[in-house]
Amino acid sequence: MRLFKAILLLMLVVGFVPTLMVGWLSVSHTRELLVRDAQELAQERVKQLQLKAEGFLGEPTDAVLMLARVPGFFALPLEAQQTHLASVLTQRREVLALTVFGPDRKRLPGLQAFSRHDVSPSSLAGHEERARALLESLDGLRYADVVTGPDGDGPVVTLAFPVGEPVKGYVAADLSLAGLRRMLEQERVGSTGFAYVADRHGHLVAGGGGVAGLGEDVSRRRPVAHLLRQLERQPDTETFHVGNFGEGRDAVVAAYTVLPEAGWAIISEQPVEHAYRQVEAMERRILLGLGAAILVALVLAALFSRNLTRPLKGFTKGALELARGKFGVEVDIPQKNELGELAQTFNYMSKQLLAYDMENRGLYESLEKGYLETIVALANSIDSKDAYTRGHSQRVGDVAVEVGREMNLTERELRQLQYGGILHDIGKIGIVESILCKQSRLTDQEMAIMREHPAIGDAIIGPVSFLGAVRACVRHHHERWDGTGYPDRLQGEDIPLLARIVACADTFDACTSTRPYQKAMPLEKAMEILDNLSGAQLDPQVVLALRRVLAKQGVRLEGHRLPVKLAS
């Protein structure tokens, strides 16, 4: 499907580009002469307006932000704080009022300054109300919506920002935008164009051309509507656009850009000349030719892609079969071209992979058999030292495999269990026979020596790389669930799962085998002992799995061995 789309797109481009070029060459002179200059002028003008507007807004904002740079402002005496506030009002006449709030967003007594000539008590109350609204969800510098100034003829905006890290308080200020308003009223784009500023809600902040009154909705104007859609899709990106909006007599060339800090937009508009009507007929012919080219491209792409994608589906299916291990699969592509040759090569490769797979399987089985024979020989060398434990290692491996299968372990883990069960006592090679074959109970010193066999076994098989996963069974099969085992005193699930299974199988065989110090126990007695050891010495889940194995398969007491078919 992707290839079909790619071919379809290619054919569409092949049909579309020539038609587009003809249309472009036909109307380029008339369209460009009428529109290009207007767009470039609007683009350059709106950039200049952006710089001016940033100055009108940024300079008083920076003056207010200087309060946040005063070292330890909130720790200064009240007189010093009031002096800083007064200096801001003195430096920038655009700053009409200043209020300082504490970290709890409550106004601090004595920390409110305002211009006595420009701010009335009612305006001051409105300033504080707007500031409190900003502080509700303030995480940085933010501007409120623009309102009418105290004298009724100028816009005013309220800003607020936190001070300190962590926040020690907040500062809010009212800024006059009368200068911005006068600047925009004097701006003209061409002979009939004009510029204005709108906020993030599409309300007029300031502007000329009689667009609307302060705070009125201008979102229905096409440039503003386009801008709001852009901001809705990408609210945190810088937005700049220049283009044509509208049709006929109402069409305009417009450009806009965004003041990032305030979230306002500066828009310039200029009416488009009636010259667009002169190219309408040519545009219809271009669209007709483009439609015909697209239709031809669709037909050709459908025919061509069908002949190409059908064989590729066969290759895809065959490759998936190979990936699943089904070597020898072939694809049937009778075409006598490069695809046919590729099919022959694919079939040859598949047959070769089948031959290599069969050869590797034979080698692997032979190697596994050799490994198992070596391991059994090692276990027999241990068991041969003591007639009572002859066959113990093999039985532990068999029981461990069945318990592991009951616990849904993988085939790889089952093989590791079998090897681990057979080799779990390999360390006894390093124990002297006088202790290993002693018929009576061992002394404390002898028991300490005997307890060294897990670490000895771990050291013996450590250099053997293919037995790396088995080392846990050898080293930790005498660890206890309650953490009192040896050699590392591991506890609970910190003991590797395979070692927990081998420990359970080892205990089960010890209970059901004749030893110098005990006779073989009946199955019921052995399981009673394992239940008592569950949660103290043995993993309760492993003991339950062994019980399920016995319930499903049964046990022959003669020889104390599970009559089960073990994993090879």
Protein backbone atom coordinates (compact mmCIF):
# COMPACT_ATOMS: atom_id res chain seq x y z
CA MET A 1 0.00 0.00 0.00
CA ARG A 2 2.86 2.39 0.75
CA LEU A 3 4.46 1.67 -2.62
CA PHE A 4 1.11 2.17 -4.33
CA LYS A 5 0.76 5.56 -2.68
CA ALA A 6 4.30 6.51 -3.63
CA ILE A 7 3.73 5.63 -7.29
CA LEU A 8 0.38 7.39 -7.27
CA LEU A 9 1.97 10.50 -5.84
CA LEU A 10 4.75 10.35 -8.41
CA MET A 11 2.30 10.14 -11.29
CA LEU A 12 0.26 12.98 -9.84
CA VAL A 13 3.38 15.11 -9.64
CA VAL A 14 4.30 14.21 -13.22
CA GLY A 15 0.86 15.28 -14.42
CA PHE A 16 0.44 18.22 -12.10
CA VAL A 17 3.79 19.99 -12.42
CA PRO A 18 3.67 20.70 -16.20
CA THR A 19 0.12 22.03 -15.93
CA LEU A 20 1.05 24.16 -12.97
CA MET A 21 4.08 25.53 -14.81
CA VAL A 22 1.97 26.55 -17.81
CA GLY A 23 -0.54 28.29 -15.58
CA TRP A 24 2.19 29.94 -13.57
CA LEU A 25 3.92 31.31 -16.68
CA SER A 26 0.59 32.59 -18.00
CA VAL A 27 -0.43 34.60 -14.97
CA SER A 28 2.88 35.30 -13.22
CA HIS A 29 3.38 38.81 -14.60
CA THR A 30 -0.15 40.03 -13.96
CA ARG A 31 -0.51 38.44 -10.52
CA GLU A 32 2.93 39.23 -9.20
CA LEU A 33 2.88 42.87 -10.30
CA LEU A 34 -0.40 43.38 -8.44
CA VAL A 35 0.27 41.41 -5.30
CA ARG A 36 3.97 41.02 -4.69
CA ASP A 37 4.68 44.62 -3.80
CA ALA A 38 1.67 44.79 -1.48
CA GLN A 39 2.70 41.62 0.34
CA GLU A 40 6.31 42.70 0.72
CA LEU A 41 5.25 46.10 1.99
CA ALA A 42 2.81 44.55 4.47
CA GLN A 43 5.45 42.10 5.62
CA GLU A 44 8.08 44.77 6.19
CA ARG A 45 5.63 47.14 7.80
CA VAL A 46 4.35 44.62 10.30
CA LYS A 47 7.93 43.80 11.31
CA GLN A 48 8.59 47.47 11.98
CA LEU A 49 5.34 47.74 13.91
CA GLN A 50 6.37 44.74 15.98
CA LEU A 51 9.62 46.45 17.00
CA LYS A 52 7.80 49.65 17.92
CA ALA A 53 5.10 47.83 19.86
CA GLU A 54 7.69 45.79 21.76
CA GLY A 55 9.33 49.07 22.73
CA PHE A 56 6.07 50.63 23.95
CA LEU A 57 5.29 47.50 25.98
CA GLY A 58 8.75 46.19 26.81
CA GLU A 59 10.42 49.30 28.23
CA PRO A 60 7.90 49.92 31.05
CA THR A 61 7.69 46.16 31.64
CA ASP A 62 11.47 45.99 32.08
CA ALA A 63 11.31 48.88 34.53
CA VAL A 64 8.79 46.99 36.65
CA LEU A 65 10.79 43.76 36.39
CA MET A 66 13.76 45.58 37.92
CA LEU A 67 12.00 45.12 41.26
CA ALA A 68 12.61 41.38 40.97
CA ARG A 69 16.33 42.06 40.54
CA VAL A 70 16.62 44.10 43.74
CA PRO A 71 18.64 41.88 46.14
CA GLY A 72 16.46 40.71 49.02
CA PHE A 73 13.59 43.05 48.10
CA PHE A 74 11.13 41.40 50.48
CA ALA A 75 13.66 41.53 53.32
CA LEU A 76 14.26 45.29 52.98
CA PRO A 77 12.70 47.79 55.36
CA LEU A 78 9.33 49.17 54.33
CA GLU A 79 10.80 52.61 53.56
CA ALA A 80 13.38 51.10 51.19
CA GLN A 81 10.72 49.05 49.44
CA GLN A 82 8.51 52.12 48.98
CA THR A 83 11.50 54.03 47.57
CA HIS A 84 12.02 51.34 44.91
CA LEU A 85 8.35 51.46 43.96
CA ALA A 86 8.40 55.24 43.69
CA SER A 87 11.53 55.15 41.53
CA VAL A 88 9.76 52.92 38.99
CA LEU A 89 6.83 55.34 38.77
CA THR A 90 9.25 58.25 38.37
CA GLN A 91 11.31 56.59 35.62
CA ARG A 92 8.38 55.43 33.48
CA ARG A 93 5.23 57.55 33.20
CA GLU A 94 3.57 54.61 31.44
CA VAL A 95 3.53 52.79 34.83
CA LEU A 96 0.27 53.97 36.45
CA ALA A 97 0.11 51.76 39.55
CA LEU A 98 2.22 49.20 41.42
CA THR A 99 1.12 46.68 44.06
CA VAL A 100 3.22 44.11 45.95
CA PHE A 101 1.65 40.89 47.22
CA GLY A 102 3.01 38.33 49.64
CA PRO A 103 3.52 34.63 48.85
CA ASP A 104 -0.05 34.01 50.08
CA ARG A 105 -1.27 36.38 47.30
CA LYS A 106 -2.46 38.98 49.80
CA ARG A 107 -1.52 42.65 49.33
CA LEU A 108 1.28 43.74 51.64
CA PRO A 109 0.41 46.86 53.71
CA GLY A 110 2.12 50.04 52.57
CA LEU A 111 3.43 48.52 49.31
CA GLN A 112 1.09 50.08 46.79
CA ALA A 113 2.16 53.05 44.68
CA PHE A 114 0.30 54.94 41.95
CA SER A 115 0.30 58.15 39.98
CA ARG A 116 -1.98 60.55 41.89
CA HIS A 117 -2.87 62.53 38.77
CA ASP A 118 -3.63 59.56 36.51
CA VAL A 119 -5.23 56.97 38.83
CA SER A 120 -8.50 57.47 40.65
CA PRO A 121 -9.55 55.38 43.69
CA SER A 122 -12.01 53.37 41.55
CA SER A 123 -9.27 52.70 38.97
CA LEU A 124 -6.93 51.62 41.76
CA ALA A 125 -9.55 49.14 42.99
CA GLY A 126 -9.90 47.80 39.46
CA HIS A 127 -6.13 47.46 39.23
CA GLU A 128 -6.01 45.38 42.41
CA GLU A 129 -8.93 43.21 41.27
CA ARG A 130 -7.25 42.45 37.92
CA ALA A 131 -3.97 41.70 39.69
CA ARG A 132 -5.62 39.22 42.04
CA ALA A 133 -7.23 37.45 39.06
CA LEU A 134 -3.79 37.06 37.46
CA LEU A 135 -2.27 35.65 40.66
CA GLU A 136 -4.77 32.76 40.75
CA SER A 137 -2.77 30.76 38.17
CA LEU A 138 0.51 32.68 37.89
CA ASP A 139 3.72 30.81 37.08
CA GLY A 140 5.64 33.60 35.30
CA LEU A 141 5.16 37.02 33.73
CA ARG A 142 1.56 37.37 32.52
CA TYR A 143 -0.59 40.18 31.11
CA ALA A 144 -4.31 40.65 31.74
CA ASP A 145 -6.86 41.75 29.17
CA VAL A 146 -6.67 45.42 28.16
CA VAL A 147 -9.19 47.83 29.72
CA THR A 148 -10.00 51.52 29.21
CA GLY A 149 -7.67 53.90 31.04
CA PRO A 150 -8.65 56.16 33.95
CA ASP A 151 -9.16 59.16 31.68
CA GLY A 152 -11.34 57.17 29.29
CA ASP A 153 -9.19 57.75 26.22
CA GLY A 154 -6.36 55.25 26.49
CA PRO A 155 -5.92 51.47 26.92
CA VAL A 156 -4.38 50.08 30.12
CA VAL A 157 -2.95 46.59 30.67
CA THR A 158 -2.22 44.90 34.00
CA LEU A 159 0.83 42.62 34.37
CA ALA A 160 2.02 40.43 37.25
CA PHE A 161 5.00 38.22 37.96
CA PRO A 162 6.46 36.19 40.86
CA VAL A 163 9.64 37.25 42.69
CA GLY A 164 12.25 34.87 44.04
CA GLU A 165 12.87 31.12 43.83
CA PRO A 166 11.09 29.79 45.76
CA VAL A 167 8.43 32.48 45.41
CA LYS A 168 8.72 35.16 48.09
CA GLY A 169 5.95 37.36 46.69
CA TYR A 170 4.38 38.91 43.61
CA VAL A 171 4.41 42.32 41.88
CA ALA A 172 1.54 43.69 39.77
CA ALA A 173 1.50 46.86 37.69
CA ASP A 174 -0.82 48.86 35.42
CA LEU A 175 0.77 50.10 32.18
CA SER A 176 -0.70 52.83 29.93
CA LEU A 177 -0.80 51.97 26.21
CA ALA A 178 -1.73 55.47 25.07
CA GLY A 179 1.56 55.81 23.19
CA LEU A 180 0.93 52.54 21.35
CA ARG A 181 -2.55 53.70 20.41
CA ARG A 182 -1.30 57.03 19.01
CA MET A 183 1.44 55.29 17.03
CA LEU A 184 -1.01 52.87 15.37
CA GLU A 185 -3.51 55.64 14.56
CA GLN A 186 -0.78 57.46 12.61
CA GLU A 187 0.37 54.36 10.69
CA ARG A 188 -0.83 53.75 7.12
CA VAL A 189 -0.19 50.86 4.76
CA GLY A 190 -0.27 52.40 1.33
CA SER A 191 -3.04 54.92 0.79
CA THR A 192 -5.94 53.01 2.34
CA GLY A 193 -4.39 50.39 4.62
CA PHE A 194 -4.20 50.49 8.39
CA ALA A 195 -2.77 48.54 11.36
CA TYR A 196 -4.16 47.43 14.71
CA VAL A 197 -3.39 45.19 17.71
CA ALA A 198 -5.67 42.38 18.95
CA ASP A 199 -5.32 40.23 22.06
CA ARG A 200 -5.42 36.44 22.29
CA HIS A 201 -9.24 36.49 22.47
CA GLY A 202 -9.64 38.55 19.28
CA HIS A 203 -10.49 41.81 21.07
CA LEU A 204 -9.08 45.12 19.90
CA VAL A 205 -6.22 46.52 22.02
CA ALA A 206 -5.39 49.58 19.92
CA GLY A 207 -5.52 50.54 16.27
CA GLY A 208 -6.38 52.92 13.45
CA GLY A 209 -8.68 52.80 10.49
CA GLY A 210 -11.81 52.78 12.61
CA VAL A 211 -11.71 48.98 12.91
CA ALA A 212 -13.58 48.88 16.22
CA GLY A 213 -13.64 50.39 19.69
CA LEU A 214 -11.26 49.41 22.49
CA GLY A 215 -12.00 45.88 23.71
CA GLU A 216 -14.51 45.12 20.95
CA ASP A 217 -14.46 41.78 19.12
CA VAL A 218 -12.52 41.79 15.81
CA SER A 219 -12.18 38.00 15.51
CA ARG A 220 -14.56 37.97 12.52
CA ARG A 221 -12.01 39.82 10.42
CA ARG A 222 -10.37 37.21 8.22
CA PRO A 223 -6.73 37.89 9.21
CA VAL A 224 -7.60 37.74 12.91
CA ALA A 225 -9.66 34.55 12.45
CA HIS A 226 -6.75 32.95 10.59
CA LEU A 227 -4.35 33.98 13.35
CA LEU A 228 -6.58 32.58 16.11
CA ARG A 229 -6.75 29.23 14.31
CA GLN A 230 -2.97 29.16 14.06
CA LEU A 231 -2.59 29.95 17.76
CA GLU A 232 -5.13 27.26 18.65
CA ARG A 233 -3.08 24.64 16.81
CA GLN A 234 0.35 25.90 17.96
CA PRO A 235 -0.12 28.15 21.01
CA ASP A 236 3.56 28.30 22.05
CA THR A 237 5.24 29.03 18.70
CA GLU A 238 6.15 32.33 17.10
CA THR A 239 3.61 33.10 14.39
CA PHE A 240 4.17 35.25 11.31
CA HIS A 241 2.05 35.24 8.19
CA VAL A 242 1.45 37.37 5.10
CA GLY A 243 -1.09 36.59 2.39
CA ASN A 244 -4.39 37.30 0.73
CA PHE A 245 -7.66 37.15 2.66
CA GLY A 246 -11.16 37.39 1.25
CA GLU A 247 -12.46 37.60 -2.30
CA GLY A 248 -13.50 40.33 -4.73
CA ARG A 249 -13.86 43.85 -3.38
CA ASP A 250 -13.45 42.68 0.23
CA ALA A 251 -10.16 40.91 -0.46
CA VAL A 252 -7.14 42.25 1.42
CA VAL A 253 -3.44 41.64 1.59
CA ALA A 254 -2.74 41.19 5.29
CA ALA A 255 0.24 40.41 7.47
CA TYR A 256 0.40 39.65 11.15
CA THR A 257 2.89 38.71 13.82
CA VAL A 258 2.68 37.94 17.52
CA LEU A 259 4.20 39.67 20.54
CA PRO A 260 5.24 36.50 22.44
CA GLU A 261 5.25 37.91 25.99
CA ALA A 262 1.83 39.52 25.87
CA GLY A 263 0.25 37.10 23.40
CA TRP A 264 -1.03 40.01 21.27
CA ALA A 265 -1.01 40.17 17.48
CA ILE A 266 -0.13 43.12 15.25
CA ILE A 267 -2.13 43.03 12.01
CA SER A 268 -1.83 45.23 8.94
CA GLU A 269 -4.44 45.21 6.15
CA GLN A 270 -4.50 46.68 2.65
CA PRO A 271 -7.25 46.15 0.02
CA VAL A 272 -6.32 44.10 -3.05
CA GLU A 273 -6.77 45.71 -6.46
CA HIS A 274 -9.44 44.40 -8.84
CA ALA A 275 -6.74 42.93 -11.10
CA TYR A 276 -7.44 39.44 -9.73
CA ARG A 277 -10.63 39.33 -11.82
CA GLN A 278 -8.53 39.49 -15.00
CA VAL A 279 -6.98 36.08 -14.31
CA GLU A 280 -10.11 34.21 -13.16
CA ALA A 281 -10.71 32.68 -16.59
CA MET A 282 -7.12 31.53 -16.86
CA GLU A 283 -7.27 30.05 -13.38
CA ARG A 284 -10.35 28.01 -14.41
CA ARG A 285 -8.48 26.63 -17.42
CA ILE A 286 -5.53 25.73 -15.22
CA LEU A 287 -7.80 23.90 -12.81
CA LEU A 288 -9.43 22.00 -15.70
CA GLY A 289 -6.05 20.93 -17.06
CA LEU A 290 -4.88 20.00 -13.59
CA GLY A 291 -7.96 17.82 -13.06
CA ALA A 292 -7.33 16.00 -16.35
CA ALA A 293 -3.67 15.45 -15.42
CA ILE A 294 -4.65 14.06 -12.04
CA LEU A 295 -7.15 11.67 -13.64
CA VAL A 296 -4.54 10.37 -16.10
CA ALA A 297 -2.01 10.01 -13.30
CA LEU A 298 -4.48 8.02 -11.21
CA VAL A 299 -5.18 5.55 -14.03
CA LEU A 300 -1.52 5.06 -14.90
CA ALA A 301 -0.50 4.73 -11.27
CA ALA A 302 -3.20 2.13 -10.60
CA LEU A 303 -2.13 -0.02 -13.57
CA PHE A 304 1.57 0.28 -12.92
CA SER A 305 1.41 -0.25 -9.17
CA ARG A 306 -0.80 -3.34 -9.50
CA ASN A 307 1.79 -5.08 -11.71
CA LEU A 308 4.53 -4.16 -9.27
CA THR A 309 2.94 -4.71 -5.86
CA ARG A 310 1.48 -8.17 -6.52
CA PRO A 311 4.90 -9.87 -6.76
CA LEU A 312 6.15 -7.86 -3.80
CA LYS A 313 3.32 -9.24 -1.67
CA GLY A 314 4.60 -12.73 -2.50
CA PHE A 315 8.10 -11.71 -1.41
CA THR A 316 6.73 -10.22 1.81
CA LYS A 317 4.80 -13.38 2.64
CA GLY A 318 7.83 -15.58 1.91
CA ALA A 319 10.13 -13.38 3.99
CA LEU A 320 7.74 -13.57 6.95
CA GLU A 321 7.73 -17.37 6.67
CA LEU A 322 11.53 -17.37 6.73
CA ALA A 323 11.52 -15.05 9.74
CA ARG A 324 9.27 -17.55 11.56
CA GLY A 325 11.81 -20.31 10.87
CA LYS A 326 9.98 -22.02 8.01
CA PHE A 327 13.02 -22.50 5.81
CA GLY A 328 12.59 -23.91 2.28
CA VAL A 329 9.50 -21.80 1.47
CA GLU A 330 9.34 -20.63 -2.17
CA VAL A 331 7.62 -17.81 -4.03
CA ASP A 332 5.99 -18.32 -7.42
CA ILE A 333 6.59 -15.38 -9.76
CA PRO A 334 6.51 -16.42 -13.45
CA GLN A 335 7.55 -12.99 -14.77
CA LYS A 336 10.64 -13.00 -16.97
CA ASN A 337 12.17 -9.80 -15.72
CA GLU A 338 14.18 -8.58 -12.75
CA LEU A 339 11.38 -9.60 -10.38
CA GLY A 340 11.46 -13.14 -11.77
CA GLU A 341 15.23 -13.30 -11.28
CA LEU A 342 14.80 -12.00 -7.74
CA ALA A 343 12.24 -14.76 -7.08
CA GLN A 344 14.71 -17.44 -8.27
CA THR A 345 17.39 -16.00 -6.00
CA PHE A 346 14.97 -15.92 -3.08
CA ASN A 347 14.00 -19.57 -3.60
CA TYR A 348 17.66 -20.63 -3.80
CA MET A 349 18.43 -18.74 -0.60
CA SER A 350 15.47 -20.39 1.16
CA LYS A 351 16.66 -23.89 0.17
CA GLN A 352 20.19 -23.14 1.34
CA LEU A 353 18.86 -21.88 4.67
CA LEU A 354 16.89 -25.11 5.03
CA ALA A 355 20.04 -27.17 4.45
CA TYR A 356 22.05 -25.07 6.90
CA ASP A 357 19.26 -25.30 9.47
CA MET A 358 19.14 -29.09 9.28
CA GLU A 359 22.92 -29.28 9.59
CA ASN A 360 22.94 -26.89 12.56
CA ARG A 361 20.16 -28.82 14.28
CA GLY A 362 22.20 -32.01 14.03
CA LEU A 363 25.31 -30.33 15.36
CA TYR A 364 23.34 -28.70 18.16
CA GLU A 365 21.70 -31.96 19.19
CA SER A 366 25.09 -33.69 19.16
CA LEU A 367 26.59 -30.90 21.26
CA GLU A 368 23.68 -30.99 23.72
CA LYS A 369 24.05 -34.74 24.03
CA GLY A 370 27.76 -34.35 24.73
CA TYR A 371 27.07 -31.70 27.33
CA LEU A 372 24.49 -33.86 29.07
CA GLU A 373 26.76 -36.93 29.07
CA THR A 374 29.58 -34.85 30.55
CA ILE A 375 27.31 -33.48 33.24
CA VAL A 376 25.95 -36.91 34.11
CA ALA A 377 29.49 -38.25 34.33
CA LEU A 378 30.41 -35.46 36.75
CA ALA A 379 27.36 -36.20 38.88
CA ASN A 380 28.10 -39.93 38.88
CA SER A 381 31.64 -39.21 40.05
CA ILE A 382 30.13 -37.54 43.10
CA ASP A 383 27.41 -40.10 43.77
CA SER A 384 29.90 -42.97 43.43
CA LYS A 385 31.64 -41.85 46.61
CA ASP A 386 28.58 -42.70 48.66
CA ALA A 387 26.36 -45.71 47.98
CA TYR A 388 23.47 -44.04 49.76
CA THR A 389 23.42 -41.05 47.39
CA ARG A 390 23.90 -42.99 44.14
CA GLY A 391 21.48 -41.59 41.58
CA HIS A 392 20.56 -38.65 43.85
CA SER A 393 21.75 -35.92 41.46
CA GLN A 394 19.90 -37.40 38.48
CA ARG A 395 16.69 -37.73 40.52
CA VAL A 396 16.94 -34.14 41.74
CA GLY A 397 17.35 -32.95 38.13
CA ASP A 398 14.33 -34.98 37.00
CA VAL A 399 12.08 -33.73 39.81
CA ALA A 400 13.24 -30.13 39.30
CA VAL A 401 12.37 -30.26 35.59
CA GLU A 402 8.84 -31.47 36.29
CA VAL A 403 8.28 -28.78 38.91
CA GLY A 404 9.64 -26.16 36.50
CA ARG A 405 7.31 -27.38 33.76
CA GLU A 406 4.39 -27.11 36.18
CA MET A 407 5.43 -23.50 36.83
CA ASN A 408 5.38 -22.77 33.07
CA LEU A 409 9.12 -22.17 32.67
CA THR A 410 10.63 -22.03 29.18
CA GLU A 411 12.42 -24.95 27.55
CA ARG A 412 15.71 -23.15 28.06
CA GLU A 413 15.02 -22.77 31.77
CA LEU A 414 13.99 -26.42 32.00
CA ARG A 415 17.36 -27.49 30.53
CA GLN A 416 19.09 -25.22 33.03
CA LEU A 417 17.07 -26.85 35.81
CA GLN A 418 18.11 -30.31 34.66
CA TYR A 419 21.78 -29.34 34.53
CA GLY A 420 21.49 -27.52 37.84
CA GLY A 421 19.84 -30.49 39.53
CA ILE A 422 22.50 -32.87 38.27
CA LEU A 423 25.37 -30.57 39.24
CA HIS A 424 24.01 -29.08 42.46
CA ASP A 425 26.36 -31.18 44.62
CA ILE A 426 29.40 -30.97 42.29
CA GLY A 427 31.23 -29.10 45.05
CA LYS A 428 31.33 -32.27 47.15
CA ILE A 429 34.27 -33.33 44.98
CA GLY A 430 36.29 -30.96 47.15
CA ILE A 431 35.08 -32.51 50.44
CA VAL A 432 37.26 -35.25 51.96
CA GLU A 433 35.67 -38.69 51.91
CA SER A 434 36.02 -39.12 55.67
CA ILE A 435 33.44 -36.37 56.10
CA LEU A 436 31.42 -37.00 52.94
CA CYS A 437 30.88 -40.72 53.68
CA LYS A 438 30.64 -40.52 57.48
CA GLN A 439 27.89 -42.84 58.72
CA SER A 440 27.10 -40.87 61.86
CA ARG A 441 26.10 -37.26 62.45
CA LEU A 442 28.75 -34.66 61.58
CA THR A 443 30.37 -32.51 64.24
CA ASP A 444 30.00 -28.73 64.07
CA GLN A 445 33.48 -28.43 62.54
CA GLU A 446 32.73 -31.13 59.98
CA MET A 447 29.39 -29.53 59.18
CA ALA A 448 31.14 -26.20 58.54
CA ILE A 449 33.44 -27.96 56.06
CA MET A 450 30.48 -29.71 54.42
CA ARG A 451 28.70 -26.35 54.02
CA GLU A 452 31.54 -25.17 51.82
CA HIS A 453 30.47 -27.42 48.94
CA PRO A 454 28.06 -24.88 47.28
CA ALA A 455 30.85 -22.29 46.99
CA ILE A 456 33.31 -24.98 45.83
CA GLY A 457 30.85 -26.12 43.16
CA ASP A 458 30.29 -22.52 42.03
CA ALA A 459 34.05 -22.09 41.63
CA ILE A 460 34.30 -25.35 39.67
CA ILE A 461 31.69 -24.56 37.02
CA GLY A 462 32.35 -20.80 36.97
CA PRO A 463 34.90 -20.99 34.10
CA VAL A 464 32.47 -23.06 31.98
CA SER A 465 30.62 -20.39 29.97
CA PHE A 466 27.66 -22.49 28.81
CA LEU A 467 26.90 -23.39 32.46
CA GLY A 468 26.75 -19.73 33.52
CA ALA A 469 23.00 -19.83 34.21
CA VAL A 470 23.43 -23.06 36.26
CA ARG A 471 25.76 -21.44 38.80
CA ALA A 472 22.79 -20.08 40.77
CA CYS A 473 21.45 -23.62 41.29
CA VAL A 474 24.85 -24.86 42.48
CA ARG A 475 25.62 -21.94 44.79
CA HIS A 476 22.20 -21.22 46.28
CA HIS A 477 20.44 -24.60 46.60
CA HIS A 478 21.02 -24.51 50.38
CA GLU A 479 19.67 -20.98 50.86
CA ARG A 480 16.51 -20.83 52.98
CA TRP A 481 13.32 -18.87 52.33
CA ASP A 482 13.64 -17.23 55.78
CA GLY A 483 17.23 -16.06 55.08
CA THR A 484 19.06 -18.43 57.47
CA GLY A 485 20.60 -20.63 54.77
CA TYR A 486 24.11 -20.63 53.32
CA PRO A 487 26.47 -19.55 51.81
CA ASP A 488 25.04 -16.02 51.19
CA ARG A 489 21.99 -15.99 53.54
CA LEU A 490 19.67 -14.85 50.77
CA GLN A 491 16.00 -14.49 51.66
CA GLY A 492 12.68 -14.96 49.85
CA GLU A 493 12.58 -14.01 46.20
CA ASP A 494 16.17 -12.77 46.37
CA ILE A 495 17.05 -16.45 45.96
CA PRO A 496 17.06 -17.26 42.20
CA LEU A 497 13.93 -19.19 41.17
CA LEU A 498 15.89 -22.08 39.65
CA ALA A 499 17.83 -22.50 42.91
CA ARG A 500 14.54 -22.54 44.89
CA ILE A 501 13.19 -25.31 42.66
CA VAL A 502 16.40 -27.39 42.97
CA ALA A 503 16.32 -26.90 46.77
CA CYS A 504 12.77 -28.27 46.92
CA ALA A 505 13.62 -31.22 44.67
CA ASP A 506 16.77 -31.90 46.76
CA THR A 507 14.76 -31.92 49.99
CA PHE A 508 12.07 -34.15 48.45
CA ASP A 509 14.65 -36.73 47.31
CA ALA A 510 16.43 -36.59 50.66
CA CYS A 511 13.14 -37.41 52.42
CA THR A 512 12.22 -40.27 50.06
CA SER A 513 15.73 -41.82 49.92
CA THR A 514 17.49 -44.09 52.41
CA ARG A 515 20.38 -42.33 54.15
CA PRO A 516 22.77 -43.46 56.89
CA TYR A 517 20.78 -41.47 59.44
CA GLN A 518 17.26 -42.23 58.17
CA LYS A 519 15.15 -44.62 56.13
CA ALA A 520 13.17 -43.61 53.08
CA MET A 521 9.90 -41.97 54.15
CA PRO A 522 6.48 -42.71 52.67
CA LEU A 523 5.30 -40.12 50.19
CA GLU A 524 2.67 -38.78 52.57
CA LYS A 525 5.24 -38.28 55.35
CA ALA A 526 7.69 -36.62 52.92
CA MET A 527 5.06 -34.15 51.71
CA GLU A 528 4.07 -33.44 55.31
CA ILE A 529 7.70 -32.48 56.05
CA LEU A 530 7.87 -30.29 52.92
CA ASP A 531 4.65 -28.55 53.97
CA ASN A 532 6.20 -27.83 57.36
CA LEU A 533 9.29 -26.43 55.68
CA SER A 534 7.18 -24.28 53.33
CA GLY A 535 7.67 -20.60 54.11
CA ALA A 536 10.67 -21.32 56.36
CA GLN A 537 13.16 -23.29 54.30
CA LEU A 538 11.32 -23.72 50.98
CA ASP A 539 9.42 -21.43 48.63
CA PRO A 540 5.67 -22.03 49.25
CA GLN A 541 4.84 -21.70 45.54
CA VAL A 542 7.44 -24.30 44.59
CA VAL A 543 6.10 -26.74 47.21
CA LEU A 544 2.57 -26.26 45.82
CA ALA A 545 3.87 -26.89 42.28
CA LEU A 546 5.50 -30.17 43.45
CA ARG A 547 2.24 -31.23 45.05
CA ARG A 548 0.40 -30.55 41.75
CA VAL A 549 2.99 -32.65 39.88
CA LEU A 550 2.44 -35.57 42.25
CA ALA A 551 -1.33 -35.23 41.95
CA LYS A 552 -1.19 -35.27 38.15
CA GLN A 553 1.43 -37.98 37.54
CA GLY A 554 1.63 -40.16 40.63
CA VAL A 555 4.79 -41.57 42.29
CA ARG A 556 6.43 -44.97 42.51
CA LEU A 557 7.94 -45.41 45.95
CA GLU A 558 10.29 -48.13 44.71
CA GLY A 559 13.44 -46.27 43.71
CA HIS A 560 11.79 -43.05 44.89
CA ARG A 561 11.51 -41.63 41.42
CA LEU A 562 8.84 -39.80 39.41
CA PRO A 563 7.83 -41.85 36.35
CA VAL A 564 7.89 -38.86 34.00
CA LYS A 565 9.32 -38.03 30.60
CA LEU A 566 11.97 -35.35 31.10
CA ALA A 567 13.08 -32.59 28.71
CA SER A 568 15.98 -33.60 26.51
